[in-house]
N, C-alpha and C. Protein backbone atom coordinates (compact mmCIF):
# COMPACT_ATOMS: atom_id res chain seq x y z
N MET A 1 -5.79 -12.68 8.91
CA MET A 1 -6.02 -11.82 10.17
C MET A 1 -7.56 -11.92 10.17
N GLN A 2 -7.81 -12.51 11.39
CA GLN A 2 -9.21 -12.53 11.82
C GLN A 2 -9.94 -11.19 11.86
N GLU A 3 -9.18 -10.08 12.42
CA GLU A 3 -9.82 -8.82 12.59
C GLU A 3 -10.37 -8.44 11.32
N TYR A 4 -9.69 -8.44 10.16
CA TYR A 4 -9.99 -8.13 8.85
C TYR A 4 -11.27 -8.83 8.30
N GLU A 5 -11.26 -10.03 8.79
CA GLU A 5 -12.50 -10.81 8.32
C GLU A 5 -13.75 -10.32 8.96
N THR A 6 -13.50 -9.94 10.14
CA THR A 6 -14.68 -9.57 11.10
C THR A 6 -15.23 -8.08 10.51
N LEU A 7 -14.01 -7.32 10.24
CA LEU A 7 -14.32 -5.98 9.46
C LEU A 7 -15.40 -6.11 8.33
N LYS A 8 -14.80 -7.09 7.37
CA LYS A 8 -15.82 -7.22 6.13
C LYS A 8 -17.03 -7.67 6.47
N GLN A 9 -17.29 -8.51 7.39
CA GLN A 9 -18.60 -9.02 8.04
C GLN A 9 -19.37 -7.69 8.55
N LEU A 10 -18.86 -6.85 9.27
CA LEU A 10 -19.51 -5.84 9.77
C LEU A 10 -20.01 -4.86 8.62
N VAL A 11 -19.02 -4.75 7.71
CA VAL A 11 -19.58 -3.82 6.54
C VAL A 11 -20.65 -4.57 5.84
N ASN A 12 -20.55 -5.85 5.66
CA ASN A 12 -21.86 -6.36 4.82
C ASN A 12 -22.97 -6.35 5.81
N GLU A 13 -23.00 -6.29 7.00
CA GLU A 13 -24.11 -6.51 7.89
C GLU A 13 -24.77 -5.05 7.79
N VAL A 14 -24.23 -4.09 7.73
CA VAL A 14 -24.54 -2.77 7.92
C VAL A 14 -25.45 -2.48 6.75
N ALA A 15 -25.31 -3.00 5.49
CA ALA A 15 -25.89 -2.53 4.36
C ALA A 15 -27.51 -2.77 4.32
N ASP A 16 -28.09 -3.61 4.99
CA ASP A 16 -29.59 -3.59 5.14
C ASP A 16 -30.06 -2.39 5.72
N ASP A 17 -29.49 -2.03 6.99
CA ASP A 17 -29.77 -0.75 7.64
C ASP A 17 -29.57 0.41 7.01
N LEU A 18 -28.38 0.33 6.23
CA LEU A 18 -28.10 1.70 5.55
C LEU A 18 -29.42 1.99 4.57
N ALA A 19 -29.72 1.04 3.98
CA ALA A 19 -30.75 1.19 2.94
C ALA A 19 -32.05 1.51 3.52
N LYS A 20 -32.21 0.92 4.75
CA LYS A 20 -33.63 1.69 5.49
C LYS A 20 -33.48 2.90 5.95
N ALA A 21 -32.16 3.39 6.31
CA ALA A 21 -31.87 4.62 6.89
C ALA A 21 -32.03 5.75 5.76
N GLN A 22 -31.71 5.33 4.64
CA GLN A 22 -31.82 6.25 3.32
C GLN A 22 -33.34 6.29 3.03
N GLY A 23 -34.02 5.46 3.29
CA GLY A 23 -35.69 5.42 3.27
C GLY A 23 -36.29 6.33 4.20
N GLY A 24 -35.48 6.93 5.23
CA GLY A 24 -35.99 7.65 6.31
C GLY A 24 -36.34 6.95 7.45
N ASN A 25 -36.02 5.72 7.74
CA ASN A 25 -36.07 5.08 8.89
C ASN A 25 -34.89 5.54 10.04
N LYS A 26 -35.56 6.25 11.12
CA LYS A 26 -34.63 6.83 12.26
C LYS A 26 -33.82 5.95 12.95
N ALA A 27 -34.63 4.65 13.21
CA ALA A 27 -34.01 3.85 14.20
C ALA A 27 -32.84 2.98 13.30
N ALA A 28 -33.15 2.78 12.05
CA ALA A 28 -32.15 2.26 11.25
C ALA A 28 -30.67 3.00 11.06
N GLY A 29 -31.06 4.37 11.10
CA GLY A 29 -29.90 5.37 11.05
C GLY A 29 -29.28 5.33 12.40
N THR A 30 -29.99 5.11 13.42
CA THR A 30 -29.15 4.88 14.73
C THR A 30 -28.21 3.67 14.67
N ARG A 31 -28.93 2.47 14.06
CA ARG A 31 -28.11 1.36 14.22
C ARG A 31 -26.77 1.67 13.21
N VAL A 32 -26.94 2.37 12.13
CA VAL A 32 -25.79 2.34 11.27
C VAL A 32 -24.87 3.26 11.86
N ARG A 33 -25.25 4.38 12.54
CA ARG A 33 -24.11 5.10 13.22
C ARG A 33 -23.31 4.33 14.25
N LYS A 34 -24.17 3.45 15.15
CA LYS A 34 -23.54 2.54 16.00
C LYS A 34 -22.29 1.50 15.53
N GLN A 35 -23.11 0.80 14.11
CA GLN A 35 -22.23 -0.06 13.62
C GLN A 35 -20.89 0.57 12.84
N MET A 36 -21.09 1.73 12.22
CA MET A 36 -20.15 2.53 11.65
C MET A 36 -18.90 2.76 13.01
N GLN A 37 -19.31 2.95 14.26
CA GLN A 37 -18.49 3.47 15.06
C GLN A 37 -17.60 2.22 15.45
N GLU A 38 -18.32 1.09 15.44
CA GLU A 38 -17.55 -0.26 15.61
C GLU A 38 -16.67 -0.54 14.56
N ILE A 39 -16.95 -0.22 13.42
CA ILE A 39 -16.11 -0.46 12.26
C ILE A 39 -15.11 0.37 12.51
N LYS A 40 -15.16 1.50 12.74
CA LYS A 40 -14.09 2.43 12.63
C LYS A 40 -13.10 2.05 14.06
N ASN A 41 -13.64 1.58 14.98
CA ASN A 41 -12.67 1.09 15.96
C ASN A 41 -12.03 -0.07 15.51
N LEU A 42 -12.73 -0.97 14.79
CA LEU A 42 -11.96 -2.25 14.43
C LEU A 42 -10.69 -1.68 13.31
N ALA A 43 -11.18 -0.91 12.49
CA ALA A 43 -10.30 -0.57 11.60
C ALA A 43 -8.99 0.08 12.12
N GLN A 44 -9.18 0.82 13.22
CA GLN A 44 -8.02 1.50 14.03
C GLN A 44 -7.25 0.25 14.60
N ASP A 45 -7.79 -0.68 15.06
CA ASP A 45 -6.93 -1.83 15.64
C ASP A 45 -6.04 -2.65 14.53
N ILE A 46 -6.85 -2.61 13.44
CA ILE A 46 -6.18 -3.29 12.15
C ILE A 46 -4.81 -2.48 11.87
N ARG A 47 -5.06 -1.23 11.91
CA ARG A 47 -4.05 -0.37 11.38
C ARG A 47 -2.82 -0.46 12.56
N LYS A 48 -3.11 -0.46 13.95
CA LYS A 48 -2.08 -0.59 14.75
C LYS A 48 -1.39 -1.86 14.70
N LYS A 49 -2.04 -3.13 14.33
CA LYS A 49 -1.39 -4.41 14.16
C LYS A 49 -0.78 -4.34 13.07
N VAL A 50 -0.94 -3.74 11.90
CA VAL A 50 -0.11 -3.60 10.64
C VAL A 50 1.14 -2.81 10.98
N LEU A 51 1.01 -1.75 11.82
CA LEU A 51 2.07 -1.07 12.22
C LEU A 51 3.24 -1.96 13.13
N GLU A 52 2.56 -2.81 13.74
CA GLU A 52 3.47 -3.79 14.56
C GLU A 52 4.22 -4.79 13.64
N PHE A 53 3.57 -5.15 12.71
CA PHE A 53 3.94 -6.07 11.58
C PHE A 53 5.23 -5.49 10.92
N ARG A 54 5.06 -4.05 10.72
CA ARG A 54 6.18 -3.25 9.95
C ARG A 54 7.29 -3.18 10.85
N GLY A 55 7.05 -2.89 12.09
CA GLY A 55 8.01 -2.58 12.96
C GLY A 55 8.93 -3.94 13.32
N SER A 56 8.29 -4.85 13.44
CA SER A 56 8.73 -6.11 13.61
C SER A 56 9.72 -6.79 12.79
N GLY A 57 9.49 -6.23 11.40
CA GLY A 57 10.09 -6.74 10.22
C GLY A 57 11.32 -6.31 10.11
N ASP A 58 11.90 -5.34 10.93
CA ASP A 58 13.32 -4.77 10.72
C ASP A 58 14.31 -5.94 11.10
């Protein structure tokens, strides 16, 4: 599933900014929040597709 691979990539990309945000970098904190929103939206899309798989398997 391509969406899952994209999700893993987004999570890996946020690591550097997360470390900077923990160090007090406010701009990095803003980027982390934006990236986490993208991750949340993509995860929701994946959940919907999984439900479709389950529903079509009957």
